[in-house]
């Protein structure tokens, strides 16, 4: 049997995950648990069942189809301990004509993924785009993701990876060989605060940032970019942003992409019945972002999508 990876989504015509027109592949599983995670259904490596109540027509077909009798009347009433979605069961989803039920996660082979991304190779070549692996955290499934990236390279497709940086540094040689672009996320400089916000300290992340930047800077044709989610009240203090700027300057990095917080992810917490706190945070206004952008005087700062 061919090796498979767990993918939550394949997003075509993406323009925010690297240069040009890209196809972004979202992989399941992440070692961090960021309080503001925009893809919370990607954190767990297990397949998960989601329910969109606004689409449900209350037909009861899902309850009839479930072989474990885990559903009572509608997808809103599911006994998680009985549900076998994590083991590969799709009976309720297959029975749902209204598409109110969905599974976060699909097993795919390298060939499966390659067929999808090759559909748009002409667009990549015309726009300077390619394929981006994201998540979740792509290095969480590194043996499979590495094979997929290598397959893309064989087909002449430019490759990029979005990463939280929390990975074994032993794979850095692999990153240089498989990725043309690294989009490296920096969450918070203080390790204790980083643990509070993401569930993990940041020493490994900061060390990997320096190591990967050094390797990519020394390798022709490679690009390395640092991005930081900008979350009101959590990591946007003036003093912290100045510390970030000084850290990047000391590391030899001249650019930073700030990713403004938005709250679109909150509905996913309900859909997938995720046991996590909902942040009550108001996104930055345009005026806030203009003010924050002026904090930085030593590096170039742009705002991403």
Protein backbone atom coordinates (compact mmCIF):
# COMPACT_ATOMS: atom_id res chain seq x y z
CA UNK A 1 0.00 0.00 0.00
CA UNK A 2 1.31 3.47 -0.89
CA UNK A 3 2.23 5.77 1.97
CA UNK A 4 -0.36 8.44 2.71
CA UNK A 5 -0.44 11.80 4.42
CA UNK A 6 -3.37 13.46 6.16
CA UNK A 7 -4.54 16.59 4.31
CA UNK A 8 -7.33 18.90 5.44
CA UNK A 9 -7.58 21.05 2.32
CA UNK A 10 -6.01 21.83 -1.05
CA UNK A 11 -6.56 25.50 -1.83
CA UNK A 12 -6.04 26.54 -5.44
CA UNK A 13 -5.27 30.04 -6.72
CA UNK A 14 -3.85 31.12 -3.39
CA UNK A 15 -2.06 34.49 -3.45
CA UNK A 16 -1.14 34.92 0.23
CA UNK A 17 1.14 31.93 0.76
CA UNK A 18 4.17 32.94 -1.25
CA UNK A 19 4.81 34.67 -4.59
CA UNK A 20 2.59 34.27 -7.65
CA UNK A 21 -0.41 31.99 -8.02
CA UNK A 22 -0.03 28.96 -5.78
CA UNK A 23 -1.74 25.80 -4.65
CA UNK A 24 -1.58 25.52 -0.86
CA UNK A 25 -1.80 22.08 0.72
CA UNK A 26 -2.87 22.06 4.36
CA UNK A 27 -1.54 19.14 6.39
CA UNK A 28 -3.04 17.93 9.66
CA UNK A 29 -1.22 17.96 12.97
CA UNK A 30 0.74 20.66 14.79
CA UNK A 31 3.01 20.64 17.88
CA UNK A 32 1.78 24.11 18.88
CA UNK A 33 -1.65 25.08 20.15
CA UNK A 34 -1.81 28.81 19.45
CA UNK A 35 -4.75 30.49 21.14
CA UNK A 36 -5.58 32.36 17.91
CA UNK A 37 -4.98 29.46 15.51
CA UNK A 38 -6.76 30.19 12.23
CA UNK A 39 -7.01 26.48 11.36
CA UNK A 40 -7.83 24.84 14.71
CA UNK A 41 -9.17 21.74 12.96
CA UNK A 42 -5.59 21.16 11.76
CA UNK A 43 -4.02 20.93 15.23
CA UNK A 44 -4.96 17.34 16.04
CA UNK A 45 -3.46 14.71 13.72
CA UNK A 46 -6.67 12.67 13.94
CA UNK A 47 -9.59 12.85 11.50
CA UNK A 48 -12.42 14.93 13.00
CA UNK A 49 -16.11 15.31 12.19
CA UNK A 50 -17.51 18.80 11.70
CA UNK A 51 -21.14 19.94 11.60
CA UNK A 52 -22.52 23.11 9.99
CA UNK A 53 -25.91 23.63 11.57
CA UNK A 54 -26.92 26.33 9.07
CA UNK A 55 -26.80 23.75 6.25
CA UNK A 56 -28.62 20.98 8.11
CA UNK A 57 -32.16 20.23 6.83
CA UNK A 58 -32.93 17.91 9.77
CA UNK A 59 -33.60 14.95 7.47
CA UNK A 60 -32.09 12.40 9.87
CA UNK A 61 -30.25 10.47 7.13
CA UNK A 62 -26.97 10.74 9.01
CA UNK A 63 -28.45 9.09 12.09
CA UNK A 64 -29.86 6.22 10.02
CA UNK A 65 -26.57 5.72 8.18
CA UNK A 66 -24.30 5.70 11.23
CA UNK A 67 -23.31 2.05 11.90
CA UNK A 68 -22.31 2.88 15.48
CA UNK A 69 -25.57 4.66 16.33
CA UNK A 70 -23.48 7.63 17.44
CA UNK A 71 -25.88 10.24 16.02
CA UNK A 72 -29.23 11.12 17.54
CA UNK A 73 -31.56 12.84 15.05
CA UNK A 74 -29.00 15.31 13.57
CA UNK A 75 -25.26 15.85 13.30
CA UNK A 76 -25.49 18.29 16.21
CA UNK A 77 -26.13 15.38 18.56
CA UNK A 78 -23.13 13.08 18.24
CA UNK A 79 -21.73 10.77 20.91
CA UNK A 80 -18.03 11.30 20.34
CA UNK A 81 -17.04 8.12 22.16
CA UNK A 82 -19.02 6.03 19.62
CA UNK A 83 -18.06 7.95 16.46
CA UNK A 84 -15.56 6.08 14.25
CA UNK A 85 -14.64 8.91 11.88
CA UNK A 86 -11.10 8.88 13.28
CA UNK A 87 -10.87 5.25 12.14
CA UNK A 88 -11.98 6.08 8.60
CA UNK A 89 -15.76 5.79 8.75
CA UNK A 90 -17.55 8.20 6.39
CA UNK A 91 -21.09 6.81 6.53
CA UNK A 92 -22.80 9.92 7.95
CA UNK A 93 -20.97 12.32 5.64
CA UNK A 94 -21.79 10.18 2.60
CA UNK A 95 -25.47 10.21 3.58
CA UNK A 96 -25.65 13.98 4.06
CA UNK A 97 -27.01 15.49 0.84
CA UNK A 98 -27.00 18.97 2.40
CA UNK A 99 -23.21 18.82 3.06
CA UNK A 100 -23.79 19.82 6.67
CA UNK A 101 -21.28 17.21 7.79
CA UNK A 102 -17.63 17.23 6.82
CA UNK A 103 -14.48 15.46 7.90
CA UNK A 104 -11.33 17.44 8.63
CA UNK A 105 -8.64 15.25 7.17
CA UNK A 106 -8.29 13.01 4.15
CA UNK A 107 -5.67 10.35 3.46
CA UNK A 108 -3.87 11.06 0.19
CA UNK A 109 -0.83 9.58 -1.53
CA UNK A 110 1.94 11.64 -3.11
CA UNK A 111 0.52 10.75 -6.53
CA UNK A 112 -2.96 11.89 -5.43
CA UNK A 113 -1.63 15.29 -4.44
CA UNK A 114 0.64 15.60 -7.44
CA UNK A 115 -2.28 15.08 -9.82
CA UNK A 116 -4.16 17.94 -8.15
CA UNK A 117 -1.30 20.45 -8.10
CA UNK A 118 -0.16 19.68 -11.65
CA UNK A 119 -3.54 20.89 -12.97
CA UNK A 120 -2.38 24.48 -12.49
CA UNK A 121 1.28 24.22 -13.49
CA UNK A 122 0.77 26.68 -16.34
CA UNK A 123 -0.47 29.29 -13.85
CA UNK A 124 2.56 28.75 -11.61
CA UNK A 125 4.94 29.24 -14.52
CA UNK A 126 3.17 32.33 -15.82
CA UNK A 127 2.99 34.05 -12.41
CA UNK A 128 6.16 32.86 -10.70
CA UNK A 129 4.08 30.78 -8.31
CA UNK A 130 4.12 27.17 -7.22
CA UNK A 131 3.06 24.90 -4.36
CA UNK A 132 3.03 25.83 -0.67
CA UNK A 133 2.73 23.29 2.14
CA UNK A 134 1.00 24.59 5.25
CA UNK A 135 -1.16 23.30 8.05
CA UNK A 136 -1.16 22.61 10.84
CA UNK A 137 2.59 22.20 10.66
CA UNK A 138 4.03 20.47 7.57
CA UNK A 139 7.06 19.12 9.44
CA UNK A 140 4.67 17.21 11.73
CA UNK A 141 4.29 14.75 8.82
CA UNK A 142 7.77 15.35 7.47
CA UNK A 143 8.60 11.95 5.92
CA UNK A 144 5.51 12.20 3.72
CA UNK A 145 5.71 15.95 3.09
CA UNK A 146 9.37 15.58 2.09
CA UNK A 147 8.42 13.01 -0.57
CA UNK A 148 5.65 15.25 -1.87
CA UNK A 149 7.96 18.28 -2.12
CA UNK A 150 10.61 16.24 -3.91
CA UNK A 151 7.96 15.02 -6.37
CA UNK A 152 6.99 18.64 -7.04
CA UNK A 153 10.63 19.55 -7.67
CA UNK A 154 10.98 16.69 -10.15
CA UNK A 155 8.02 18.16 -12.05
CA UNK A 156 9.62 21.60 -12.10
CA UNK A 157 7.28 23.19 -9.56
CA UNK A 158 8.61 25.82 -7.16
CA UNK A 159 8.02 24.87 -3.51
CA UNK A 160 7.38 26.87 -0.36
CA UNK A 161 6.70 25.89 3.23
CA UNK A 162 4.92 27.75 6.00
CA UNK A 163 6.28 26.63 9.36
CA UNK A 164 5.94 27.41 13.05
CA UNK A 165 9.61 26.47 13.43
CA UNK A 166 9.09 23.86 16.14
CA UNK A 167 10.87 20.93 14.50
CA UNK A 168 13.97 18.78 14.85
CA UNK A 169 16.91 20.76 13.41
CA UNK A 170 18.18 17.49 11.90
CA UNK A 171 15.76 18.08 8.98
CA UNK A 172 17.27 21.43 7.97
CA UNK A 173 19.36 19.81 5.22
CA UNK A 174 16.12 18.34 3.88
CA UNK A 175 14.48 21.77 3.94
CA UNK A 176 17.27 23.23 1.83
CA UNK A 177 16.92 20.38 -0.67
CA UNK A 178 13.13 20.43 -0.93
CA UNK A 179 12.01 24.04 -0.41
CA UNK A 180 12.71 27.12 -2.50
CA UNK A 181 10.98 29.40 -0.01
CA UNK A 182 10.54 29.24 3.77
CA UNK A 183 7.83 31.35 5.42
CA UNK A 184 8.85 31.18 9.08
CA UNK A 185 6.35 32.25 11.74
CA UNK A 186 7.51 34.06 14.88
CA UNK A 187 4.87 34.24 17.62
CA UNK A 188 6.53 35.78 20.69
CA UNK A 189 10.11 36.42 21.82
CA UNK A 190 9.60 35.71 25.52
CA UNK A 191 9.74 31.95 26.09
CA UNK A 192 7.42 31.90 29.13
CA UNK A 193 4.85 34.01 27.29
CA UNK A 194 5.28 31.86 24.19
CA UNK A 195 4.50 28.74 26.23
CA UNK A 196 1.43 30.43 27.65
CA UNK A 197 0.14 31.42 24.21
CA UNK A 198 1.10 28.32 22.19
CA UNK A 199 1.71 25.49 24.64
CA UNK A 200 5.46 25.30 23.90
CA UNK A 201 8.57 27.34 24.76
CA UNK A 202 10.37 29.13 21.95
CA UNK A 203 14.06 28.22 22.34
CA UNK A 204 13.93 25.57 19.61
CA UNK A 205 11.99 27.91 17.33
CA UNK A 206 14.42 30.82 17.69
CA UNK A 207 17.39 28.52 17.19
CA UNK A 208 15.83 26.99 14.06
CA UNK A 209 15.00 30.44 12.71
CA UNK A 210 18.66 31.45 12.91
CA UNK A 211 19.90 28.15 11.45
CA UNK A 212 17.45 28.04 8.55
CA UNK A 213 18.01 31.70 7.73
CA UNK A 214 21.77 31.16 7.65
CA UNK A 215 21.47 28.14 5.34
CA UNK A 216 18.95 29.72 2.99
CA UNK A 217 20.85 33.00 2.82
CA UNK A 218 23.96 31.08 1.77
CA UNK A 219 22.17 29.03 -0.91
CA UNK A 220 21.54 30.63 -4.33
CA UNK A 221 17.91 30.74 -5.41
CA UNK A 222 16.49 30.32 -1.91
CA UNK A 223 14.22 32.79 -0.11
CA UNK A 224 13.57 33.10 3.62
CA UNK A 225 10.83 35.27 5.10
CA UNK A 226 9.75 35.90 8.69
CA UNK A 227 6.09 36.48 9.45
CA UNK A 228 4.39 37.28 12.73
CA UNK A 229 0.70 36.99 13.57
CA UNK A 230 -0.26 40.29 15.15
CA UNK A 231 -2.76 39.59 17.93
CA UNK A 232 -4.26 42.51 19.88
CA UNK A 233 -3.25 42.43 23.53
CA UNK A 234 -1.13 39.29 23.20
CA UNK A 235 1.97 40.17 21.18
CA UNK A 236 1.43 43.68 19.81
CA UNK A 237 2.89 45.75 22.67
CA UNK A 238 5.31 48.47 21.59
CA UNK A 239 8.14 47.07 23.72
CA UNK A 240 7.70 43.57 22.33
CA UNK A 241 7.64 44.70 18.72
CA UNK A 242 10.84 46.70 19.25
CA UNK A 243 12.44 43.58 20.77
CA UNK A 244 11.34 41.61 17.69
CA UNK A 245 12.90 44.23 15.43
CA UNK A 246 16.19 44.16 17.34
CA UNK A 247 16.26 40.35 17.29
CA UNK A 248 15.76 40.27 13.53
CA UNK A 249 18.40 42.95 12.93
CA UNK A 250 20.88 41.01 15.07
CA UNK A 251 20.05 37.85 13.08
CA UNK A 252 20.66 39.65 9.78
CA UNK A 253 17.01 39.78 8.69
CA UNK A 254 15.82 43.02 7.11
CA UNK A 255 12.13 42.32 6.47
CA UNK A 256 9.07 41.28 8.49
CA UNK A 257 5.53 40.46 7.38
CA UNK A 258 2.86 41.14 9.99
CA UNK A 259 -0.31 39.07 9.75
CA UNK A 260 -3.24 40.96 11.34
CA UNK A 261 -5.54 38.90 13.55
CA UNK A 262 -9.02 38.07 12.33
CA UNK A 263 -11.79 36.03 13.93
CA UNK A 264 -13.02 33.87 11.03
CA UNK A 265 -11.65 30.77 12.77
CA UNK A 266 -14.13 31.01 15.66
CA UNK A 267 -16.90 29.23 13.75
CA UNK A 268 -14.60 26.24 13.24
CA UNK A 269 -14.39 25.79 17.02
CA UNK A 270 -18.15 25.22 17.07
CA UNK A 271 -18.29 23.14 13.89
CA UNK A 272 -15.72 20.64 15.12
CA UNK A 273 -16.72 20.84 18.81
CA UNK A 274 -13.16 21.74 19.73
CA UNK A 275 -12.40 22.03 23.42
CA UNK A 276 -10.65 25.38 23.32
CA UNK A 277 -11.28 28.87 24.61
CA UNK A 278 -12.70 31.45 22.25
CA UNK A 279 -10.75 34.69 22.32
CA UNK A 280 -12.82 37.86 22.74
CA UNK A 281 -10.55 40.08 20.72
CA UNK A 282 -11.39 42.89 18.34
CA UNK A 283 -9.14 42.96 15.26
CA UNK A 284 -6.86 45.94 14.75
CA UNK A 285 -8.31 48.89 12.87
CA UNK A 286 -6.58 50.35 9.82
CA UNK A 287 -5.43 53.20 12.06
CA UNK A 288 -3.97 50.71 14.56
CA UNK A 289 -2.00 48.97 11.83
CA UNK A 290 -0.70 52.26 10.46
CA UNK A 291 0.49 53.21 13.93
CA UNK A 292 2.14 49.84 14.55
CA UNK A 293 3.89 49.95 11.19
CA UNK A 294 5.60 53.16 12.26
CA UNK A 295 7.16 51.45 15.30
CA UNK A 296 9.71 49.82 13.04
CA UNK A 297 12.62 51.99 11.93
CA UNK A 298 15.40 49.45 11.30
CA UNK A 299 13.64 46.89 9.11
CA UNK A 300 11.05 46.91 6.34
CA UNK A 301 7.56 45.91 7.49
CA UNK A 302 4.60 44.90 5.35
CA UNK A 303 1.16 43.54 6.23
CA UNK A 304 0.06 40.19 4.84
CA UNK A 305 -3.32 38.58 4.32
